[in-house]
Amino acid sequence: KYAENMYYFSELALTLNAPESGTAPTDSRRRPDQRLMENGRWDEANAEKQRLEEKQRISRKRREADAARATEDGTPYDPYKPLWFERKKDPVTQELAHVYKGGYWESKERQDWTLCPDIF
């Protein structure tokens, strides 16, 4: 109702970020900074966004340090890989694309999110 008054977003656009029960803890709809912003708590949302960005920077630096250490030691290093997608070459376009490899819907059905990293 009154979607036209909400920054000219369509009703569909306004509902895309609506919370859904049972989703993975990494689902972007669970971002605490977005929830705060949507509730009009701008200062808290900005502080939370800064916290999340710093957490991401620390995680990236840790991965980079692990990769450098593995290179120095000559040990194999397995870089970050998405849980439910893999990069494959598209047979038609020959471009790399992320292709669903399975597991998400099974995890959702069981409500077993133990493989999900703590990103928030």
N, C-alpha and C. Protein backbone atom coordinates (compact mmCIF):
# COMPACT_ATOMS: atom_id res chain seq x y z
N LYS A 1 0.84 -1.18 0.00
CA LYS A 1 0.00 0.00 0.00
C LYS A 1 0.89 1.25 0.00
N TYR A 2 0.55 2.21 -0.79
CA TYR A 2 1.27 3.48 -0.91
C TYR A 2 2.71 3.32 -1.41
N ALA A 3 2.96 2.25 -2.18
CA ALA A 3 4.31 2.00 -2.68
C ALA A 3 4.84 3.17 -3.51
N GLU A 4 3.95 3.86 -4.23
CA GLU A 4 4.41 4.96 -5.07
C GLU A 4 5.02 6.10 -4.26
N ASN A 5 4.72 6.15 -2.96
CA ASN A 5 5.28 7.18 -2.10
C ASN A 5 6.62 6.78 -1.50
N MET A 6 7.06 5.58 -1.74
CA MET A 6 8.30 5.08 -1.17
C MET A 6 9.43 5.20 -2.20
N TYR A 7 9.88 6.41 -2.45
CA TYR A 7 10.98 6.68 -3.36
C TYR A 7 10.73 6.14 -4.76
N TYR A 8 9.48 6.04 -5.13
CA TYR A 8 9.06 5.58 -6.46
C TYR A 8 9.46 4.14 -6.75
N PHE A 9 9.71 3.35 -5.70
CA PHE A 9 9.95 1.93 -5.89
C PHE A 9 8.63 1.23 -6.14
N SER A 10 8.67 0.18 -6.93
CA SER A 10 7.47 -0.62 -7.14
C SER A 10 7.20 -1.43 -5.88
N GLU A 11 6.01 -1.99 -5.80
CA GLU A 11 5.68 -2.84 -4.65
C GLU A 11 6.62 -4.04 -4.60
N LEU A 12 6.95 -4.59 -5.77
CA LEU A 12 7.89 -5.72 -5.81
C LEU A 12 9.25 -5.31 -5.23
N ALA A 13 9.77 -4.17 -5.67
CA ALA A 13 11.07 -3.73 -5.18
C ALA A 13 11.06 -3.52 -3.67
N LEU A 14 9.96 -3.03 -3.14
CA LEU A 14 9.86 -2.80 -1.71
C LEU A 14 9.84 -4.09 -0.90
N THR A 15 9.41 -5.17 -1.50
CA THR A 15 9.29 -6.43 -0.77
C THR A 15 10.49 -7.36 -0.97
N LEU A 16 11.40 -7.04 -1.87
CA LEU A 16 12.53 -7.93 -2.15
C LEU A 16 13.42 -8.15 -0.94
N ASN A 17 13.52 -7.18 -0.06
CA ASN A 17 14.39 -7.29 1.10
C ASN A 17 13.63 -7.71 2.36
N ALA A 18 12.38 -8.11 2.19
CA ALA A 18 11.57 -8.51 3.35
C ALA A 18 12.16 -9.78 3.98
N PRO A 19 12.26 -9.81 5.30
CA PRO A 19 12.78 -11.01 5.97
C PRO A 19 11.94 -12.25 5.64
N GLU A 20 12.61 -13.38 5.58
CA GLU A 20 11.95 -14.67 5.33
C GLU A 20 12.48 -15.65 6.35
N SER A 21 11.62 -16.35 7.00
CA SER A 21 12.08 -17.30 8.01
C SER A 21 12.77 -18.50 7.36
N GLY A 22 13.73 -19.04 8.09
CA GLY A 22 14.40 -20.26 7.64
C GLY A 22 15.54 -20.06 6.66
N THR A 23 15.90 -18.83 6.35
CA THR A 23 17.00 -18.62 5.41
C THR A 23 18.35 -18.76 6.12
N ALA A 24 19.37 -18.89 5.31
CA ALA A 24 20.73 -19.05 5.84
C ALA A 24 21.14 -17.81 6.64
N PRO A 25 21.98 -17.99 7.64
CA PRO A 25 22.43 -16.83 8.41
C PRO A 25 23.27 -15.86 7.57
N THR A 26 23.70 -16.28 6.39
CA THR A 26 24.46 -15.42 5.50
C THR A 26 23.57 -14.69 4.49
N ASP A 27 22.28 -14.92 4.53
CA ASP A 27 21.35 -14.27 3.61
C ASP A 27 21.43 -12.76 3.80
N SER A 28 21.55 -12.03 2.72
CA SER A 28 21.74 -10.58 2.81
C SER A 28 20.56 -9.88 3.47
N ARG A 29 19.40 -10.52 3.48
CA ARG A 29 18.24 -9.91 4.15
C ARG A 29 18.41 -9.89 5.66
N ARG A 30 19.42 -10.58 6.16
CA ARG A 30 19.69 -10.59 7.61
C ARG A 30 20.75 -9.56 8.01
N ARG A 31 21.21 -8.76 7.05
CA ARG A 31 22.23 -7.77 7.39
C ARG A 31 21.70 -6.83 8.46
N PRO A 32 22.38 -6.77 9.59
CA PRO A 32 21.87 -5.94 10.68
C PRO A 32 21.87 -4.45 10.35
N ASP A 33 22.81 -3.99 9.52
CA ASP A 33 22.81 -2.57 9.17
C ASP A 33 21.61 -2.21 8.31
N GLN A 34 21.20 -3.10 7.42
CA GLN A 34 20.02 -2.85 6.60
C GLN A 34 18.75 -2.81 7.45
N ARG A 35 18.65 -3.76 8.37
CA ARG A 35 17.47 -3.78 9.24
C ARG A 35 17.36 -2.48 10.02
N LEU A 36 18.49 -2.01 10.57
CA LEU A 36 18.48 -0.75 11.32
C LEU A 36 18.09 0.42 10.42
N MET A 37 18.63 0.44 9.21
CA MET A 37 18.32 1.53 8.29
C MET A 37 16.82 1.52 7.94
N GLU A 38 16.29 0.34 7.67
CA GLU A 38 14.88 0.24 7.31
C GLU A 38 13.97 0.66 8.46
N ASN A 39 14.48 0.57 9.67
CA ASN A 39 13.70 1.01 10.84
C ASN A 39 13.98 2.46 11.20
N GLY A 40 14.71 3.16 10.32
CA GLY A 40 14.96 4.58 10.53
C GLY A 40 16.00 4.91 11.58
N ARG A 41 16.79 3.93 11.97
CA ARG A 41 17.82 4.14 13.00
C ARG A 41 19.16 4.38 12.29
N TRP A 42 19.28 5.53 11.65
CA TRP A 42 20.38 5.85 10.74
C TRP A 42 21.74 5.82 11.40
N ASP A 43 21.89 6.43 12.55
CA ASP A 43 23.20 6.47 13.21
C ASP A 43 23.67 5.07 13.58
N GLU A 44 22.76 4.28 14.13
CA GLU A 44 23.11 2.90 14.49
C GLU A 44 23.44 2.09 13.24
N ALA A 45 22.67 2.31 12.16
CA ALA A 45 22.90 1.59 10.91
C ALA A 45 24.28 1.91 10.36
N ASN A 46 24.67 3.18 10.41
CA ASN A 46 25.99 3.57 9.91
C ASN A 46 27.10 2.94 10.75
N ALA A 47 26.95 2.95 12.07
CA ALA A 47 27.95 2.33 12.95
C ALA A 47 28.05 0.83 12.67
N GLU A 48 26.92 0.19 12.48
CA GLU A 48 26.91 -1.25 12.20
C GLU A 48 27.55 -1.54 10.85
N LYS A 49 27.29 -0.71 9.85
CA LYS A 49 27.90 -0.88 8.54
C LYS A 49 29.42 -0.77 8.65
N GLN A 50 29.91 0.18 9.43
CA GLN A 50 31.35 0.33 9.63
C GLN A 50 31.93 -0.91 10.30
N ARG A 51 31.21 -1.46 11.30
CA ARG A 51 31.66 -2.67 11.99
C ARG A 51 31.76 -3.84 11.01
N LEU A 52 30.74 -4.00 10.16
CA LEU A 52 30.74 -5.11 9.20
C LEU A 52 31.87 -4.96 8.19
N GLU A 53 32.10 -3.74 7.71
CA GLU A 53 33.18 -3.53 6.75
C GLU A 53 34.54 -3.83 7.36
N GLU A 54 34.74 -3.46 8.61
CA GLU A 54 36.01 -3.75 9.28
C GLU A 54 36.17 -5.26 9.46
N LYS A 55 35.09 -5.94 9.79
CA LYS A 55 35.13 -7.40 9.93
C LYS A 55 35.51 -8.05 8.60
N GLN A 56 34.98 -7.53 7.50
CA GLN A 56 35.33 -8.05 6.17
C GLN A 56 36.79 -7.79 5.84
N ARG A 57 37.29 -6.61 6.18
CA ARG A 57 38.71 -6.30 5.94
C ARG A 57 39.62 -7.26 6.70
N ILE A 58 39.29 -7.52 7.95
CA ILE A 58 40.10 -8.43 8.78
C ILE A 58 40.09 -9.83 8.17
N SER A 59 38.92 -10.27 7.73
CA SER A 59 38.80 -11.60 7.12
C SER A 59 39.64 -11.69 5.85
N ARG A 60 39.58 -10.66 5.02
CA ARG A 60 40.36 -10.66 3.78
C ARG A 60 41.85 -10.68 4.09
N LYS A 61 42.29 -9.87 5.06
CA LYS A 61 43.71 -9.84 5.43
C LYS A 61 44.17 -11.20 5.94
N ARG A 62 43.31 -11.87 6.69
CA ARG A 62 43.66 -13.20 7.21
C ARG A 62 43.83 -14.19 6.06
N ARG A 63 42.92 -14.14 5.08
CA ARG A 63 43.04 -15.03 3.92
C ARG A 63 44.31 -14.74 3.14
N GLU A 64 44.63 -13.44 2.96
CA GLU A 64 45.83 -13.06 2.24
C GLU A 64 47.09 -13.53 2.98
N ALA A 65 47.09 -13.41 4.30
CA ALA A 65 48.23 -13.86 5.10
C ALA A 65 48.37 -15.38 5.01
N ASP A 66 47.27 -16.10 5.07
CA ASP A 66 47.31 -17.57 4.95
C ASP A 66 47.86 -17.98 3.59
N ALA A 67 47.46 -17.27 2.53
CA ALA A 67 47.94 -17.58 1.19
C ALA A 67 49.44 -17.30 1.08
N ALA A 68 49.89 -16.18 1.64
CA ALA A 68 51.31 -15.84 1.60
C ALA A 68 52.13 -16.86 2.37
N ARG A 69 51.63 -17.27 3.54
CA ARG A 69 52.33 -18.26 4.37
C ARG A 69 52.42 -19.60 3.62
N ALA A 70 51.35 -19.98 2.96
CA ALA A 70 51.36 -21.24 2.22
C ALA A 70 52.36 -21.18 1.06
N THR A 71 52.45 -20.03 0.42
CA THR A 71 53.40 -19.85 -0.68
C THR A 71 54.83 -19.98 -0.16
N GLU A 72 55.08 -19.34 0.98
CA GLU A 72 56.43 -19.41 1.57
C GLU A 72 56.79 -20.83 1.99
N ASP A 73 55.82 -21.52 2.57
CA ASP A 73 56.06 -22.89 3.07
C ASP A 73 56.03 -23.92 1.95
N GLY A 74 55.47 -23.54 0.81
CA GLY A 74 55.32 -24.50 -0.28
C GLY A 74 54.19 -25.47 -0.05
N THR A 75 53.27 -25.11 0.83
CA THR A 75 52.13 -25.98 1.10
C THR A 75 50.95 -25.54 0.24
N PRO A 76 50.08 -26.49 -0.08
CA PRO A 76 48.92 -26.13 -0.89
C PRO A 76 47.99 -25.18 -0.12
N TYR A 77 47.41 -24.27 -0.84
CA TYR A 77 46.46 -23.33 -0.24
C TYR A 77 45.18 -23.36 -1.05
N ASP A 78 44.09 -23.59 -0.37
CA ASP A 78 42.78 -23.63 -1.02
C ASP A 78 42.10 -22.29 -0.77
N PRO A 79 42.02 -21.43 -1.79
CA PRO A 79 41.42 -20.12 -1.58
C PRO A 79 39.92 -20.23 -1.28
N TYR A 80 39.36 -19.14 -0.86
CA TYR A 80 37.93 -19.09 -0.53
C TYR A 80 37.10 -19.58 -1.71
N LYS A 81 36.10 -20.38 -1.40
CA LYS A 81 35.16 -20.86 -2.42
C LYS A 81 33.75 -20.70 -1.89
N PRO A 82 32.83 -20.24 -2.73
CA PRO A 82 31.44 -20.15 -2.30
C PRO A 82 30.90 -21.52 -1.90
N LEU A 83 29.95 -21.54 -0.97
CA LEU A 83 29.38 -22.81 -0.51
C LEU A 83 28.54 -23.51 -1.57
N TRP A 84 27.71 -22.76 -2.26
CA TRP A 84 26.71 -23.39 -3.12
C TRP A 84 26.88 -23.11 -4.60
N PHE A 85 28.00 -22.47 -4.96
CA PHE A 85 28.24 -22.16 -6.37
C PHE A 85 29.68 -22.49 -6.72
N GLU A 86 29.90 -22.76 -8.01
CA GLU A 86 31.26 -22.96 -8.48
C GLU A 86 31.42 -22.21 -9.80
N ARG A 87 32.64 -21.76 -10.05
CA ARG A 87 32.90 -21.03 -11.30
C ARG A 87 33.20 -22.04 -12.39
N LYS A 88 32.44 -21.90 -13.46
CA LYS A 88 32.62 -22.78 -14.63
C LYS A 88 32.53 -21.93 -15.88
N LYS A 89 33.16 -22.42 -16.91
CA LYS A 89 33.09 -21.74 -18.19
C LYS A 89 31.75 -22.07 -18.86
N ASP A 90 31.04 -21.05 -19.25
CA ASP A 90 29.77 -21.24 -19.95
C ASP A 90 30.07 -21.82 -21.32
N PRO A 91 29.42 -22.94 -21.68
CA PRO A 91 29.73 -23.58 -22.96
C PRO A 91 29.37 -22.72 -24.18
N VAL A 92 28.42 -21.82 -24.02
CA VAL A 92 28.00 -20.99 -25.15
C VAL A 92 28.85 -19.73 -25.26
N THR A 93 28.95 -18.99 -24.15
CA THR A 93 29.66 -17.70 -24.19
C THR A 93 31.15 -17.82 -23.91
N GLN A 94 31.57 -18.96 -23.37
CA GLN A 94 32.97 -19.19 -22.98
C GLN A 94 33.43 -18.26 -21.86
N GLU A 95 32.49 -17.62 -21.18
CA GLU A 95 32.82 -16.76 -20.05
C GLU A 95 32.63 -17.53 -18.75
N LEU A 96 33.38 -17.13 -17.72
CA LEU A 96 33.22 -17.76 -16.42
C LEU A 96 31.90 -17.31 -15.80
N ALA A 97 31.20 -18.27 -15.22
CA ALA A 97 29.91 -17.98 -14.58
C ALA A 97 29.83 -18.79 -13.29
N HIS A 98 29.08 -18.27 -12.33
CA HIS A 98 28.84 -19.02 -11.09
C HIS A 98 27.62 -19.91 -11.30
N VAL A 99 27.83 -21.20 -11.14
CA VAL A 99 26.78 -22.19 -11.37
C VAL A 99 26.45 -22.87 -10.05
N TYR A 100 25.17 -22.99 -9.77
CA TYR A 100 24.72 -23.63 -8.54
C TYR A 100 25.17 -25.08 -8.52
N LYS A 101 25.82 -25.49 -7.41
CA LYS A 101 26.32 -26.86 -7.33
C LYS A 101 25.54 -27.72 -6.34
N GLY A 102 24.53 -27.14 -5.71
CA GLY A 102 23.68 -27.92 -4.82
C GLY A 102 24.00 -27.68 -3.36
N GLY A 103 23.09 -28.11 -2.50
CA GLY A 103 23.30 -28.07 -1.07
C GLY A 103 22.46 -27.07 -0.31
N TYR A 104 22.14 -25.93 -0.93
CA TYR A 104 21.41 -24.90 -0.20
C TYR A 104 20.03 -25.38 0.22
N TRP A 105 19.27 -25.90 -0.73
CA TRP A 105 17.88 -26.28 -0.43
C TRP A 105 17.84 -27.43 0.57
N GLU A 106 18.82 -28.32 0.50
CA GLU A 106 18.89 -29.41 1.47
C GLU A 106 19.19 -28.86 2.87
N SER A 107 20.12 -27.91 2.94
CA SER A 107 20.44 -27.29 4.23
C SER A 107 19.24 -26.53 4.78
N LYS A 108 18.53 -25.86 3.89
CA LYS A 108 17.36 -25.10 4.32
C LYS A 108 16.28 -26.04 4.84
N GLU A 109 16.07 -27.14 4.15
CA GLU A 109 15.06 -28.11 4.60
C GLU A 109 15.39 -28.67 5.98
N ARG A 110 16.68 -28.96 6.21
CA ARG A 110 17.11 -29.49 7.50
C ARG A 110 17.35 -28.40 8.54
N GLN A 111 17.39 -27.15 8.08
CA GLN A 111 17.77 -26.01 8.94
C GLN A 111 19.13 -26.27 9.58
N ASP A 112 20.04 -26.77 8.74
CA ASP A 112 21.41 -27.04 9.17
C ASP A 112 22.33 -26.07 8.46
N TRP A 113 22.73 -25.04 9.16
CA TRP A 113 23.57 -23.99 8.57
C TRP A 113 24.99 -24.03 9.13
N THR A 114 25.44 -25.20 9.56
CA THR A 114 26.76 -25.30 10.19
C THR A 114 27.90 -24.97 9.23
N LEU A 115 27.68 -25.09 7.93
CA LEU A 115 28.73 -24.77 6.95
C LEU A 115 28.87 -23.27 6.70
N CYS A 116 27.89 -22.49 7.12
CA CYS A 116 27.89 -21.05 6.85
C CYS A 116 28.89 -20.32 7.76
N PRO A 117 29.67 -19.44 7.16
CA PRO A 117 30.59 -18.64 7.98
C PRO A 117 29.82 -17.55 8.74
N ASP A 118 30.44 -17.01 9.76
CA ASP A 118 29.84 -15.93 10.54
C ASP A 118 30.24 -14.61 9.88
N ILE A 119 29.38 -14.10 9.00
CA ILE A 119 29.75 -12.89 8.25
C ILE A 119 29.14 -11.62 8.84
N PHE A 120 28.19 -11.76 9.72
CA PHE A 120 27.57 -10.56 10.30
C PHE A 120 27.99 -10.40 11.73
